[in-house]
Amino acid sequence: MTIGEPASEPDPRGLLRVSSSLRIPLDELEWRFSASGGPGGQHANTSNTKVEVRFDVEASPSLGPRQRARLLERLGPLVRVVASDERSQARNRELALGRLAERINEALKVETPRHPTRPSKRAKARRVDEKRKRSVTKQTRRRPEPE
């Protein structure tokens, strides 16, 4: 998958597949269409090709309690995605759905906690040895002291 490509396509049953455990019905999404910005032309000012998709996290019945809590914490009560990359409204719809699915999927991921590690005795000794060698190298570059 490349950047800008939709992460998930809507399936024929009218569901947006976000992950293996989450599918959002398309009727839960709120769509808005407007004219895209940028340079004009005959087509640009007459077509509403810019797509905005909004997903209400708080009111969605398709989310479980843990999923809802995680999305509210990370994305807030409303997830909004805009796509105006293409000249086609249909293609911008696909891009917006893909971006929405990707954004929700990223927010749902549980990160494993990081456990701090310490350098080994060998690594510490190697570091001190390198510092000593560097010090000797710099000392040999100094101008000899007059006697």
Protein backbone atom coordinates (compact mmCIF):
# COMPACT_ATOMS: atom_id res chain seq x y z
CA MET A 1 0.00 0.00 0.00
CA THR A 2 1.36 3.42 -0.92
CA ILE A 3 0.73 6.78 0.68
CA GLY A 4 -2.53 8.30 -0.49
CA GLU A 5 -4.03 4.95 -1.43
CA PRO A 6 -7.16 3.96 0.44
CA ALA A 7 -6.41 1.59 3.33
CA SER A 8 -9.76 -0.09 2.95
CA GLU A 9 -12.47 -0.19 0.34
CA PRO A 10 -16.13 -0.26 1.35
CA ASP A 11 -17.57 -3.69 0.80
CA PRO A 12 -20.79 -4.27 -1.16
CA ARG A 13 -22.86 -4.54 2.03
CA GLY A 14 -22.23 -0.86 2.82
CA LEU A 15 -19.59 -1.38 5.50
CA LEU A 16 -16.21 0.30 5.86
CA ARG A 17 -13.70 -2.32 6.98
CA VAL A 18 -11.32 -0.59 9.37
CA SER A 19 -9.68 -3.67 10.88
CA SER A 20 -10.46 -7.34 11.33
CA SER A 21 -12.51 -6.53 14.42
CA LEU A 22 -14.19 -3.30 13.31
CA ARG A 23 -16.55 -2.55 10.45
CA ILE A 24 -18.43 0.74 10.30
CA PRO A 25 -21.72 1.01 8.38
CA LEU A 26 -21.53 3.76 5.76
CA ASP A 27 -24.80 5.28 7.01
CA GLU A 28 -22.98 6.27 10.24
CA LEU A 29 -20.75 8.59 8.21
CA GLU A 30 -21.70 12.18 7.44
CA TRP A 31 -20.65 13.41 4.00
CA ARG A 32 -20.09 16.98 2.79
CA PHE A 33 -19.12 18.06 -0.69
CA SER A 34 -17.75 21.43 -1.77
CA ALA A 35 -15.69 23.01 -4.51
CA SER A 36 -11.99 22.26 -4.30
CA GLY A 37 -9.57 25.13 -3.93
CA GLY A 38 -6.59 25.81 -6.15
CA PRO A 39 -6.27 27.02 -9.71
CA GLY A 40 -9.45 27.35 -11.72
CA GLY A 41 -10.58 26.29 -15.11
CA GLN A 42 -13.92 25.47 -16.57
CA HIS A 43 -14.38 22.31 -14.54
CA ALA A 44 -13.01 23.50 -11.18
CA ASN A 45 -15.56 26.13 -10.24
CA THR A 46 -18.64 24.12 -11.13
CA SER A 47 -17.93 20.73 -9.56
CA ASN A 48 -18.14 19.89 -5.89
CA THR A 49 -15.23 17.46 -5.87
CA LYS A 50 -13.83 18.16 -2.39
CA VAL A 51 -15.06 15.49 0.02
CA GLU A 52 -15.32 15.73 3.81
CA VAL A 53 -16.24 12.68 5.87
CA ARG A 54 -17.20 12.95 9.52
CA PHE A 55 -17.56 10.06 11.96
CA ASP A 56 -19.23 10.60 15.33
CA VAL A 57 -17.31 8.40 17.77
CA GLU A 58 -19.61 9.05 20.75
CA ALA A 59 -22.84 8.14 18.94
CA SER A 60 -21.57 5.16 16.96
CA PRO A 61 -23.26 1.86 17.87
CA SER A 62 -20.69 -0.16 15.93
CA LEU A 63 -17.88 0.57 18.41
CA GLY A 64 -17.24 -1.49 21.50
CA PRO A 65 -16.65 0.25 24.86
CA ARG A 66 -12.86 -0.17 24.72
CA GLN A 67 -12.68 0.98 21.11
CA ARG A 68 -14.86 4.01 21.87
CA ALA A 69 -12.76 4.97 24.91
CA ARG A 70 -9.50 4.67 22.96
CA LEU A 71 -10.82 6.70 20.00
CA LEU A 72 -12.23 9.41 22.27
CA GLU A 73 -8.90 9.64 24.06
CA ARG A 74 -6.80 9.80 20.91
CA LEU A 75 -9.01 11.45 18.27
CA GLY A 76 -11.81 13.17 20.18
CA PRO A 77 -15.57 12.88 19.79
CA LEU A 78 -15.59 13.61 16.06
CA VAL A 79 -13.20 12.29 13.41
CA ARG A 80 -13.00 14.45 10.28
CA VAL A 81 -11.16 13.62 7.07
CA VAL A 82 -10.92 15.74 3.91
CA ALA A 83 -9.86 14.69 0.40
CA SER A 84 -9.51 17.06 -2.53
CA ASP A 85 -6.55 15.47 -4.33
CA GLU A 86 -8.33 14.28 -7.44
CA ARG A 87 -10.65 15.95 -9.95
CA SER A 88 -13.23 13.20 -9.52
CA GLN A 89 -15.64 13.24 -6.59
CA ALA A 90 -15.86 9.45 -6.68
CA ARG A 91 -12.08 9.08 -6.37
CA ASN A 92 -12.00 11.64 -3.55
CA ARG A 93 -14.70 9.63 -1.77
CA GLU A 94 -12.51 6.53 -1.96
CA LEU A 95 -9.50 8.47 -0.70
CA ALA A 96 -11.49 9.95 2.19
CA LEU A 97 -12.81 6.53 3.23
CA GLY A 98 -9.33 5.07 3.09
CA ARG A 99 -7.87 7.90 5.15
CA LEU A 100 -10.66 7.61 7.71
CA ALA A 101 -10.12 3.86 8.05
CA GLU A 102 -6.36 4.35 8.35
CA ARG A 103 -6.71 7.08 10.96
CA ILE A 104 -9.14 5.06 13.10
CA ASN A 105 -7.02 1.93 12.76
CA GLU A 106 -3.87 3.80 13.88
CA ALA A 107 -5.71 5.22 16.90
CA LEU A 108 -6.95 1.76 17.91
CA LYS A 109 -3.48 0.20 17.99
CA VAL A 110 -2.25 -0.68 21.46
CA GLU A 111 1.39 0.23 21.87
CA THR A 112 3.55 -2.08 23.92
CA PRO A 113 5.11 -0.26 26.87
CA ARG A 114 8.82 0.42 26.59
CA HIS A 115 11.00 -1.13 29.27
CA PRO A 116 14.19 0.89 29.79
CA THR A 117 17.40 -1.07 29.40
CA ARG A 118 20.90 -0.46 30.72
CA PRO A 119 24.14 -0.70 28.77
CA SER A 120 26.17 -3.82 29.50
CA LYS A 121 29.52 -3.71 31.31
CA ARG A 122 31.25 -4.46 28.02
CA ALA A 123 29.48 -1.55 26.31
CA LYS A 124 30.50 0.82 29.13
CA ALA A 125 34.10 -0.36 28.96
CA ARG A 126 34.13 0.03 25.17
CA ARG A 127 32.80 3.59 25.49
CA VAL A 128 35.43 4.57 28.09
CA ASP A 129 38.15 2.97 25.97
CA GLU A 130 37.05 4.96 22.90
CA LYS A 131 37.07 8.17 24.96
CA ARG A 132 40.60 7.39 26.18
CA LYS A 133 41.82 6.74 22.62
CA ARG A 134 40.21 9.97 21.42
CA SER A 135 41.89 11.88 24.26
CA VAL A 136 45.30 10.47 23.33
CA THR A 137 44.72 11.38 19.67
CA LYS A 138 43.93 14.98 20.63
CA GLN A 139 46.91 15.20 23.00
CA THR A 140 49.29 14.21 20.23
CA ARG A 141 48.00 17.11 18.11
CA ARG A 142 48.93 19.72 20.70
CA ARG A 143 51.88 21.99 20.28
CA PRO A 144 54.82 20.80 22.41
CA GLU A 145 55.25 22.77 25.58
CA PRO A 146 58.46 24.84 25.81
CA GLU A 147 60.93 23.63 28.43
